[in-house]
Protein backbone atom coordinates (compact mmCIF):
# COMPACT_ATOMS: atom_id res chain seq x y z
CA MET A 1 92.80 58.19 101.75
CA ASN A 2 92.82 59.23 98.07
CA GLU A 3 90.70 61.89 96.39
CA SER A 4 88.09 59.38 95.20
CA GLN A 5 87.37 58.54 98.86
CA LEU A 6 86.50 62.10 99.81
CA SER A 7 82.81 62.29 100.63
CA GLU A 8 81.11 64.74 98.28
CA PHE A 9 77.58 66.05 98.25
CA SER A 10 75.79 65.61 94.94
CA PHE A 11 75.88 69.35 94.15
CA GLU A 12 79.64 69.40 94.77
CA ARG A 13 80.13 66.41 92.48
CA ARG A 14 78.06 67.97 89.69
CA PHE A 15 79.80 71.34 89.88
CA ASP A 16 81.56 72.18 86.60
CA ASP A 17 84.82 73.77 87.70
CA ARG A 18 86.06 74.19 84.11
CA ARG A 19 83.05 76.25 83.17
CA ALA A 20 83.40 78.28 86.36
CA MET A 21 87.07 78.94 85.65
CA GLU A 22 86.28 79.96 82.07
CA TRP A 23 83.63 82.39 83.27
CA MET A 24 85.98 83.94 85.81
CA GLN A 25 88.81 84.28 83.30
CA ASN A 26 86.43 86.13 80.97
CA ASN A 27 84.74 88.25 83.62
CA TRP A 28 87.12 88.77 86.56
CA SER A 29 87.69 92.40 85.52
CA LYS A 30 84.04 93.13 86.35
CA SER A 31 85.20 93.20 89.95
CA PHE A 32 86.53 96.70 89.19
CA LEU A 33 83.05 97.75 88.06
CA PHE A 34 81.48 96.31 91.21
CA SER A 35 84.08 98.11 93.32
CA ALA A 36 83.44 101.44 91.59
CA LEU A 37 79.66 101.10 92.00
CA TYR A 38 80.18 100.10 95.61
CA ALA A 39 82.27 103.20 96.35
CA MET A 40 79.71 105.46 94.64
CA LEU A 41 76.82 103.95 96.59
CA VAL A 42 78.71 104.05 99.88
CA PHE A 43 79.69 107.70 99.76
CA GLY A 44 76.53 108.73 97.93
CA GLY A 45 74.54 106.90 100.59
CA GLN A 46 76.36 108.73 103.36
CA HIS A 47 75.52 112.04 101.71
CA TYR A 48 71.88 111.00 101.30
CA MET A 49 71.58 109.95 104.97
CA LYS A 50 73.31 113.04 106.33
CA LEU A 51 70.10 114.96 107.05
CA ARG A 52 67.87 111.91 107.52
CA PRO A 53 67.20 109.82 110.65
CA LYS A 54 69.08 106.57 110.98
CA LEU A 55 67.23 103.35 110.22
CA ASN A 56 66.93 100.50 112.73
CA LEU A 57 67.01 97.52 110.31
CA ARG A 58 67.31 95.05 113.16
CA LEU A 59 65.47 92.15 111.51
CA PRO A 60 67.17 92.55 108.09
CA LEU A 61 70.56 92.70 109.87
CA ILE A 62 69.81 89.53 111.83
CA LEU A 63 68.79 87.66 108.67
CA TRP A 64 71.75 89.03 106.68
CA SER A 65 74.32 88.13 109.31
CA LEU A 66 72.76 84.75 110.01
CA SER A 67 72.71 83.78 106.33
CA LEU A 68 76.39 84.73 105.92
CA ALA A 69 77.24 82.92 109.16
CA ILE A 70 75.62 79.68 107.95
CA PHE A 71 77.29 79.98 104.54
CA SER A 72 80.68 80.59 106.17
CA ILE A 73 80.30 77.75 108.68
CA VAL A 74 79.50 75.23 105.95
CA GLY A 75 82.28 76.63 103.76
CA ALA A 76 84.78 76.39 106.62
CA VAL A 77 83.85 72.78 107.34
CA ARG A 78 84.04 71.70 103.69
CA THR A 79 87.27 73.53 102.80
CA SER A 80 89.02 72.42 105.99
CA THR A 81 88.04 68.82 105.13
CA TYR A 82 89.94 69.08 101.86
CA MET A 83 92.88 70.95 103.43
CA ILE A 84 93.26 68.27 106.10
CA HIS A 85 93.19 65.67 103.31
CA ILE A 86 96.01 67.45 101.42
CA LEU A 87 98.07 67.91 104.58
CA SER A 88 97.67 64.28 105.58
CA ILE A 89 98.71 62.78 102.23
CA SER A 90 101.20 65.33 100.89
CA GLY A 91 102.31 67.55 103.74
CA PHE A 92 102.46 71.25 104.42
CA ARG A 93 104.53 72.22 101.39
CA ARG A 94 102.09 70.84 98.84
CA SER A 95 99.17 72.45 100.66
CA ILE A 96 100.79 75.80 99.94
CA CYS A 97 102.35 75.28 96.52
CA ASP A 98 99.88 73.23 94.49
CA GLN A 99 96.68 74.38 92.82
CA SER A 100 94.44 71.37 93.41
CA PHE A 101 92.16 73.34 95.74
CA TYR A 102 90.61 75.01 92.67
CA TYR A 103 89.55 71.74 91.03
CA GLY A 104 89.67 69.07 93.74
CA PRO A 105 86.70 67.15 95.14
CA ILE A 106 84.67 69.19 97.64
CA SER A 107 86.95 72.23 97.40
CA LYS A 108 86.25 73.19 93.76
CA PHE A 109 82.67 74.27 94.51
CA TRP A 110 83.58 76.11 97.71
CA ALA A 111 86.52 77.91 96.09
CA TYR A 112 84.17 79.34 93.46
CA ALA A 113 81.48 80.11 96.02
CA PHE A 114 84.08 81.93 98.08
CA VAL A 115 85.21 84.32 95.35
CA LEU A 116 81.65 85.01 94.20
CA SER A 117 80.56 85.74 97.77
CA LYS A 118 82.89 88.74 97.93
CA ALA A 119 80.45 90.68 95.71
CA PRO A 120 77.30 90.28 97.87
CA GLU A 121 79.41 90.79 101.01
CA LEU A 122 79.73 94.40 99.90
CA GLY A 123 76.20 94.69 101.23
CA ASP A 124 77.63 94.74 104.78
CA THR A 125 78.35 98.43 104.30
CA ALA A 126 74.72 99.24 103.52
CA PHE A 127 73.85 98.56 107.16
CA VAL A 128 76.67 100.83 108.34
CA VAL A 129 75.51 103.68 106.08
CA LEU A 130 71.76 103.33 106.65
CA ARG A 131 72.17 102.99 110.41
CA LYS A 132 74.50 106.03 110.34
CA GLN A 133 77.34 104.25 112.09
CA LYS A 134 80.95 105.36 111.74
CA LEU A 135 82.38 104.11 108.45
CA LEU A 136 86.04 103.26 108.88
CA PHE A 137 88.50 103.46 105.99
CA LEU A 138 89.61 99.91 106.74
CA HIS A 139 86.04 98.66 106.32
CA TRP A 140 85.41 99.76 102.73
CA TYR A 141 89.06 99.41 101.67
CA HIS A 142 89.07 95.80 102.89
CA HIS A 143 85.88 94.94 100.99
CA ILE A 144 87.21 96.37 97.73
CA THR A 145 90.69 94.86 97.90
CA VAL A 146 89.46 91.40 98.93
CA LEU A 147 86.98 91.35 96.04
CA LEU A 148 89.63 92.38 93.50
CA TYR A 149 92.29 90.03 94.84
CA SER A 150 89.95 87.03 95.17
CA TRP A 151 88.59 87.25 91.63
CA TYR A 152 92.03 87.86 90.15
CA SER A 153 93.61 85.01 92.13
CA TYR A 154 90.91 82.51 91.20
CA LYS A 155 91.28 82.98 87.46
CA ASP A 156 95.05 82.35 87.76
CA MET A 157 94.64 79.61 90.39
CA VAL A 158 97.17 81.32 92.63
CA ALA A 159 99.06 78.84 94.83
CA GLY A 160 98.17 78.96 98.51
CA GLY A 161 94.57 79.87 97.79
CA GLY A 162 93.30 76.96 99.86
CA TRP A 163 94.84 78.41 103.00
CA PHE A 164 93.45 81.89 102.39
CA MET A 165 89.94 80.64 101.65
CA THR A 166 89.79 78.18 104.54
CA MET A 167 91.04 80.78 107.02
CA ASN A 168 88.65 83.43 105.72
CA TYR A 169 85.66 81.08 105.83
CA THR A 170 86.55 80.22 109.44
CA VAL A 171 86.99 83.83 110.56
CA HIS A 172 83.76 84.86 108.84
CA ALA A 173 81.91 81.95 110.49
CA LEU A 174 82.88 83.40 113.88
CA MET A 175 82.41 87.03 112.87
CA TYR A 176 78.96 86.78 111.28
CA SER A 177 77.71 84.51 114.07
CA TYR A 178 78.76 87.23 116.51
CA TYR A 179 77.04 89.94 114.44
CA ALA A 180 73.82 87.90 114.22
CA ALA A 181 73.79 87.31 117.97
CA ARG A 182 74.43 90.97 118.75
CA ALA A 183 71.77 92.12 116.29
CA ALA A 184 69.30 89.75 117.97
CA GLY A 185 70.03 91.39 121.32
CA MET A 186 71.89 88.42 122.79
CA ARG A 187 74.60 88.97 125.38
CA VAL A 188 77.81 87.61 123.90
CA PRO A 189 80.65 86.85 126.35
CA ARG A 190 83.58 89.23 125.90
CA PRO A 191 86.09 86.38 125.34
CA PHE A 192 84.23 85.56 122.11
CA ALA A 193 84.91 89.05 120.75
CA VAL A 194 88.57 88.66 121.75
CA LEU A 195 88.62 85.29 119.95
CA ILE A 196 87.38 86.91 116.74
CA THR A 197 90.00 89.66 116.90
CA SER A 198 92.71 87.08 117.60
CA ALA A 199 91.51 84.95 114.68
CA GLN A 200 91.61 87.96 112.35
CA ILE A 201 95.16 88.78 113.41
CA ALA A 202 96.19 85.12 113.03
CA GLN A 203 94.63 85.05 109.56
CA MET A 204 96.62 88.09 108.44
CA THR A 205 99.84 86.72 109.96
CA MET A 206 99.38 83.32 108.33
CA GLY A 207 98.46 84.99 105.04
CA VAL A 208 101.73 86.90 105.00
CA ALA A 209 103.66 83.75 105.94
CA VAL A 210 102.00 81.67 103.21
CA SER A 211 102.65 84.36 100.59
CA ALA A 212 106.30 84.55 101.60
CA MET A 213 106.72 80.76 101.45
CA VAL A 214 105.00 80.52 98.06
CA TYR A 215 107.30 83.18 96.66
CA ARG A 216 110.40 81.56 98.14
CA TRP A 217 109.60 78.07 96.94
CA MET A 218 108.52 79.21 93.49
CA GLN A 219 111.83 81.09 93.17
CA HIS A 220 113.60 77.81 93.81
CA GLY A 221 111.54 75.76 91.41
CA GLY A 222 108.51 74.94 93.55
């Protein structure tokens, strides 16, 4: 199966990856501005809510989590389709070292959608603050660093990006589905929560392994 045989939706086929790349190369540094505004709103919001009653926000949380779950599920299916294609025709090494994920059929749209989504995903923290839940350092630190790294990596088409994006789409598909179900009052079996935690750990482990292999192979000429 060659790239021309990959089944694309019309919006994926029409997507202008060159224009998207040009925009990101000119604007990726705005991720620092978004991060600074995010931090100000997070800690300012905590101060504002300190003497106020917590908000319920059940319906908005259901809709928010459900929309991100659907987006992540579709993204996971489409990016994994392209990753399986690369693995089947070129093997594991090319899937890590080449940059075709950023401009290939199917994947080019979802790569761009992935990096852009890291800005609106900052909105997750609004529910934590307004519902007066405990805000962990790892929560806001993760949101900021993922936004900065994703935008920076996209504009340089960092090798191995396909693995990171596909894994993150998949983990988020599980995670936001779980959040939506919990917000809706559904009883979610405990093994599903364990599955999510295991998937997050596996994602981090694989991410470290991919980074190490990219560095090693690039040091030896790719």
